[in-house]
Amino acid sequence: MTGTTTDHDKLLLQAFGRIEERHEVPTVQAAAIEARLTFMEAYDLVNTLFTAGYLTHDLRLSDAGKKAIK
C-alpha cells in the first residue's frame, strides 16, 4: 500500500482502533466481528495491513494506521 486504504482496510483499522480504545485484547476474530467481515477477509487484510506498516506485530495500530483512519 502506498498510503491509500480500501473500504475494507479502513473498516478493519477502525475496528482495531475501537478495540484498542476499550483496552481489549486485539485479535483477528474480534476485529472481524467488530468490522462485520468474515474471519478470512479479516485474516487476509491483517497480513496486508501488517506488511504495509499499519499494524504492529501485536495487532495494535501503528502511527501510520492511526493516520489512515482519520
N, C-alpha and C. Protein backbone atom coordinates (compact mmCIF):
# COMPACT_ATOMS: atom_id res chain seq x y z
N MET A 1 0.83 -1.18 0.00
CA MET A 1 0.00 0.00 0.00
C MET A 1 0.87 1.24 0.00
N THR A 2 0.41 2.19 -0.70
CA THR A 2 1.19 3.43 -0.79
C THR A 2 0.47 4.59 -0.12
N GLY A 3 -0.05 4.34 1.07
CA GLY A 3 -0.72 5.41 1.78
C GLY A 3 -2.21 5.48 1.54
N THR A 4 -2.74 4.65 0.65
CA THR A 4 -4.18 4.62 0.42
C THR A 4 -4.74 3.34 0.99
N THR A 5 -5.97 3.40 1.45
CA THR A 5 -6.62 2.22 2.00
C THR A 5 -7.95 2.01 1.32
N THR A 6 -8.36 0.75 1.23
CA THR A 6 -9.66 0.44 0.66
C THR A 6 -10.71 0.56 1.76
N ASP A 7 -11.97 0.42 1.39
CA ASP A 7 -13.04 0.50 2.38
C ASP A 7 -12.90 -0.59 3.44
N HIS A 8 -12.60 -1.82 3.01
CA HIS A 8 -12.44 -2.91 3.97
C HIS A 8 -11.22 -2.70 4.86
N ASP A 9 -10.15 -2.19 4.28
CA ASP A 9 -8.95 -1.88 5.08
C ASP A 9 -9.31 -0.88 6.18
N LYS A 10 -10.01 0.16 5.79
CA LYS A 10 -10.37 1.21 6.74
C LYS A 10 -11.32 0.67 7.82
N LEU A 11 -12.28 -0.15 7.42
CA LEU A 11 -13.19 -0.76 8.39
C LEU A 11 -12.42 -1.57 9.43
N LEU A 12 -11.46 -2.35 8.95
CA LEU A 12 -10.69 -3.19 9.86
C LEU A 12 -9.79 -2.35 10.76
N LEU A 13 -9.15 -1.34 10.21
CA LEU A 13 -8.33 -0.45 11.03
C LEU A 13 -9.17 0.26 12.09
N GLN A 14 -10.36 0.71 11.71
CA GLN A 14 -11.25 1.35 12.68
C GLN A 14 -11.67 0.37 13.77
N ALA A 15 -11.90 -0.88 13.39
CA ALA A 15 -12.27 -1.91 14.36
C ALA A 15 -11.13 -2.11 15.36
N PHE A 16 -9.90 -2.21 14.87
CA PHE A 16 -8.76 -2.35 15.78
C PHE A 16 -8.63 -1.12 16.67
N GLY A 17 -8.91 0.06 16.13
CA GLY A 17 -8.87 1.28 16.92
C GLY A 17 -9.89 1.26 18.05
N ARG A 18 -11.12 0.82 17.75
CA ARG A 18 -12.16 0.75 18.79
C ARG A 18 -11.80 -0.29 19.85
N ILE A 19 -11.25 -1.41 19.42
CA ILE A 19 -10.83 -2.45 20.37
C ILE A 19 -9.74 -1.90 21.29
N GLU A 20 -8.81 -1.17 20.70
CA GLU A 20 -7.71 -0.58 21.48
C GLU A 20 -8.24 0.45 22.47
N GLU A 21 -9.22 1.26 22.05
CA GLU A 21 -9.80 2.28 22.94
C GLU A 21 -10.47 1.66 24.15
N ARG A 22 -11.05 0.47 23.96
CA ARG A 22 -11.73 -0.22 25.06
C ARG A 22 -10.76 -1.04 25.91
N HIS A 23 -9.48 -0.99 25.57
CA HIS A 23 -8.44 -1.72 26.29
C HIS A 23 -8.69 -3.23 26.27
N GLU A 24 -9.22 -3.71 25.16
CA GLU A 24 -9.43 -5.15 24.98
C GLU A 24 -8.24 -5.74 24.24
N VAL A 25 -8.11 -7.05 24.31
CA VAL A 25 -7.03 -7.73 23.60
C VAL A 25 -7.40 -7.81 22.13
N PRO A 26 -6.57 -7.24 21.25
CA PRO A 26 -6.90 -7.27 19.82
C PRO A 26 -6.62 -8.65 19.22
N THR A 27 -7.62 -9.21 18.59
CA THR A 27 -7.46 -10.47 17.86
C THR A 27 -8.09 -10.29 16.49
N VAL A 28 -7.70 -11.15 15.57
CA VAL A 28 -8.27 -11.08 14.23
C VAL A 28 -9.77 -11.35 14.30
N GLN A 29 -10.16 -12.33 15.11
CA GLN A 29 -11.58 -12.67 15.21
C GLN A 29 -12.39 -11.50 15.79
N ALA A 30 -11.89 -10.86 16.83
CA ALA A 30 -12.61 -9.72 17.43
C ALA A 30 -12.74 -8.58 16.43
N ALA A 31 -11.68 -8.31 15.69
CA ALA A 31 -11.72 -7.24 14.69
C ALA A 31 -12.67 -7.58 13.55
N ALA A 32 -12.70 -8.85 13.15
CA ALA A 32 -13.61 -9.28 12.09
C ALA A 32 -15.06 -9.06 12.51
N ILE A 33 -15.37 -9.44 13.74
CA ILE A 33 -16.73 -9.26 14.25
C ILE A 33 -17.07 -7.77 14.33
N GLU A 34 -16.14 -6.99 14.86
CA GLU A 34 -16.35 -5.54 15.01
C GLU A 34 -16.55 -4.87 13.65
N ALA A 35 -15.80 -5.31 12.64
CA ALA A 35 -15.88 -4.70 11.31
C ALA A 35 -16.93 -5.36 10.43
N ARG A 36 -17.57 -6.41 10.94
CA ARG A 36 -18.59 -7.16 10.20
C ARG A 36 -18.04 -7.74 8.90
N LEU A 37 -16.85 -8.33 9.04
CA LEU A 37 -16.21 -9.04 7.94
C LEU A 37 -16.11 -10.51 8.31
N THR A 38 -15.89 -11.36 7.31
CA THR A 38 -15.65 -12.76 7.64
C THR A 38 -14.24 -12.88 8.22
N PHE A 39 -14.01 -13.97 8.93
CA PHE A 39 -12.69 -14.17 9.52
C PHE A 39 -11.61 -14.20 8.44
N MET A 40 -11.87 -14.88 7.34
CA MET A 40 -10.86 -15.00 6.29
C MET A 40 -10.59 -13.65 5.61
N GLU A 41 -11.62 -12.84 5.44
CA GLU A 41 -11.40 -11.49 4.90
C GLU A 41 -10.49 -10.70 5.84
N ALA A 42 -10.82 -10.75 7.13
CA ALA A 42 -10.02 -10.02 8.12
C ALA A 42 -8.60 -10.57 8.18
N TYR A 43 -8.45 -11.87 8.13
CA TYR A 43 -7.13 -12.51 8.20
C TYR A 43 -6.26 -12.03 7.04
N ASP A 44 -6.81 -12.05 5.84
CA ASP A 44 -6.06 -11.59 4.67
C ASP A 44 -5.70 -10.10 4.78
N LEU A 45 -6.65 -9.31 5.26
CA LEU A 45 -6.39 -7.88 5.40
C LEU A 45 -5.35 -7.58 6.47
N VAL A 46 -5.37 -8.35 7.56
CA VAL A 46 -4.38 -8.14 8.62
C VAL A 46 -2.98 -8.35 8.07
N ASN A 47 -2.80 -9.40 7.26
CA ASN A 47 -1.48 -9.63 6.66
C ASN A 47 -1.07 -8.46 5.78
N THR A 48 -2.00 -7.96 4.99
CA THR A 48 -1.71 -6.83 4.11
C THR A 48 -1.40 -5.57 4.92
N LEU A 49 -2.21 -5.31 5.94
CA LEU A 49 -2.02 -4.10 6.75
C LEU A 49 -0.74 -4.17 7.57
N PHE A 50 -0.39 -5.36 8.05
CA PHE A 50 0.87 -5.52 8.78
C PHE A 50 2.06 -5.28 7.87
N THR A 51 2.01 -5.86 6.69
CA THR A 51 3.10 -5.70 5.72
C THR A 51 3.27 -4.24 5.32
N ALA A 52 2.16 -3.52 5.23
CA ALA A 52 2.20 -2.10 4.84
C ALA A 52 2.59 -1.19 6.01
N GLY A 53 2.66 -1.74 7.22
CA GLY A 53 3.07 -0.94 8.36
C GLY A 53 1.94 -0.27 9.12
N TYR A 54 0.70 -0.64 8.84
CA TYR A 54 -0.44 -0.04 9.54
C TYR A 54 -0.73 -0.71 10.88
N LEU A 55 -0.31 -1.96 11.04
CA LEU A 55 -0.49 -2.70 12.29
C LEU A 55 0.86 -3.16 12.80
N THR A 56 0.98 -3.24 14.12
CA THR A 56 2.21 -3.77 14.71
C THR A 56 2.08 -5.29 14.84
N HIS A 57 3.16 -5.93 15.28
CA HIS A 57 3.16 -7.39 15.41
C HIS A 57 2.15 -7.89 16.44
N ASP A 58 1.75 -7.04 17.39
CA ASP A 58 0.77 -7.44 18.40
C ASP A 58 -0.63 -6.92 18.08
N LEU A 59 -0.87 -6.61 16.81
CA LEU A 59 -2.18 -6.19 16.28
C LEU A 59 -2.68 -4.87 16.86
N ARG A 60 -1.78 -3.99 17.15
CA ARG A 60 -2.13 -2.64 17.57
C ARG A 60 -1.89 -1.70 16.38
N LEU A 61 -2.59 -0.59 16.37
CA LEU A 61 -2.40 0.38 15.29
C LEU A 61 -1.04 1.06 15.42
N SER A 62 -0.33 1.13 14.32
CA SER A 62 0.92 1.90 14.30
C SER A 62 0.54 3.37 14.09
N ASP A 63 1.52 4.24 14.11
CA ASP A 63 1.24 5.66 13.84
C ASP A 63 0.63 5.84 12.46
N ALA A 64 1.14 5.09 11.48
CA ALA A 64 0.59 5.16 10.12
C ALA A 64 -0.85 4.67 10.10
N GLY A 65 -1.15 3.64 10.88
CA GLY A 65 -2.52 3.13 10.95
C GLY A 65 -3.47 4.14 11.56
N LYS A 66 -3.00 4.84 12.59
CA LYS A 66 -3.83 5.86 13.22
C LYS A 66 -4.11 7.01 12.26
N LYS A 67 -3.11 7.38 11.47
CA LYS A 67 -3.29 8.45 10.48
C LYS A 67 -4.25 8.02 9.38
N ALA A 68 -4.20 6.74 9.02
CA ALA A 68 -5.03 6.23 7.91
C ALA A 68 -6.51 6.25 8.24
N ILE A 69 -6.87 6.14 9.51
CA ILE A 69 -8.30 6.10 9.84
C ILE A 69 -8.87 7.48 10.14
N LYS A 70 -8.03 8.49 10.13
CA LYS A 70 -8.53 9.85 10.37
C LYS A 70 -9.02 10.48 9.11
